[in-house]
Amino acid sequence: MAKSKKVKRVHICPTCKGNGYIKIQNIYDIELQVHQCWDCDSEGEFIEYVTEDDNNLVDDGVSVKLH
């Protein structure tokens, strides 16, 4: 069995758009409040490690169980 190589993929956080923080306006305040992004923990990006074998597979959402 050959060793599979890990590939690193970097995705930009869709919540903060890569900034690491979010400006939120409260309905009682006029000023914008700055908060840290809760999805990416203020990193601005997600890092996904994928094996090279999984990189070639396509997930179409349908799983088939073979017997």
Protein backbone atom coordinates (compact mmCIF):
# COMPACT_ATOMS: atom_id res chain seq x y z
CA MET A 1 0.00 0.00 0.00
CA ALA A 2 1.47 3.34 -1.00
CA LYS A 3 1.62 6.18 1.48
CA SER A 4 -0.93 8.90 0.86
CA LYS A 5 0.28 12.47 0.88
CA LYS A 6 -1.60 15.17 2.80
CA VAL A 7 -2.59 18.30 0.93
CA LYS A 8 -3.39 21.55 2.73
CA ARG A 9 -6.28 23.63 1.43
CA VAL A 10 -6.97 27.13 2.71
CA HIS A 11 -10.50 28.56 2.53
CA ILE A 12 -11.41 32.16 3.35
CA CYS A 13 -14.02 32.48 6.10
CA PRO A 14 -17.38 33.49 4.57
CA THR A 15 -18.58 35.12 7.80
CA CYS A 16 -15.82 37.69 8.27
CA LYS A 17 -14.54 37.57 4.66
CA GLY A 18 -10.95 37.02 5.83
CA ASN A 19 -10.76 39.95 8.26
CA GLY A 20 -11.05 37.99 11.51
CA TYR A 21 -13.56 40.44 12.93
CA ILE A 22 -17.17 41.46 12.30
CA LYS A 23 -18.86 44.83 12.70
CA ILE A 24 -22.34 44.46 14.19
CA GLN A 25 -24.90 47.18 14.72
CA ASN A 26 -27.13 46.90 17.76
CA ILE A 27 -30.73 48.06 17.32
CA TYR A 28 -30.40 50.31 20.38
CA ASP A 29 -27.05 51.89 19.41
CA ILE A 30 -26.07 53.93 16.39
CA GLU A 31 -22.40 52.94 16.60
CA LEU A 32 -21.04 49.75 15.11
CA GLN A 33 -19.54 47.27 17.56
CA VAL A 34 -16.51 45.20 16.57
CA HIS A 35 -16.54 41.51 17.54
CA GLN A 36 -14.16 38.65 16.85
CA CYS A 37 -15.33 36.12 14.30
CA TRP A 38 -16.83 33.07 15.98
CA ASP A 39 -16.60 30.76 12.96
CA CYS A 40 -12.86 30.94 12.27
CA ASP A 41 -11.75 32.04 15.77
CA SER A 42 -10.41 35.34 14.35
CA GLU A 43 -8.02 33.55 11.97
CA GLY A 44 -9.75 34.73 8.79
CA GLU A 45 -9.39 31.36 7.10
CA PHE A 46 -10.09 27.68 7.46
CA ILE A 47 -7.33 25.14 6.90
CA GLU A 48 -8.41 21.76 5.63
CA TYR A 49 -6.03 18.81 5.38
CA VAL A 50 -7.02 16.35 2.68
CA THR A 51 -5.24 13.18 1.66
CA GLU A 52 -4.21 13.00 -1.97
CA ASP A 53 -6.53 10.02 -2.53
CA ASP A 54 -9.55 12.00 -1.30
CA ASN A 55 -8.56 14.93 -3.51
CA ASN A 56 -9.52 12.98 -6.65
CA LEU A 57 -12.93 11.93 -5.37
CA VAL A 58 -16.07 13.92 -6.14
CA ASP A 59 -18.87 14.08 -3.58
CA ASP A 60 -22.19 14.26 -5.35
CA GLY A 61 -24.22 13.85 -2.18
CA VAL A 62 -25.41 10.35 -3.05
CA SER A 63 -23.89 7.44 -1.20
CA VAL A 64 -24.16 3.96 -2.58
CA LYS A 65 -23.47 0.92 -0.44
CA LEU A 66 -21.87 -1.95 -2.31
CA HIS A 67 -22.22 -5.53 -1.10
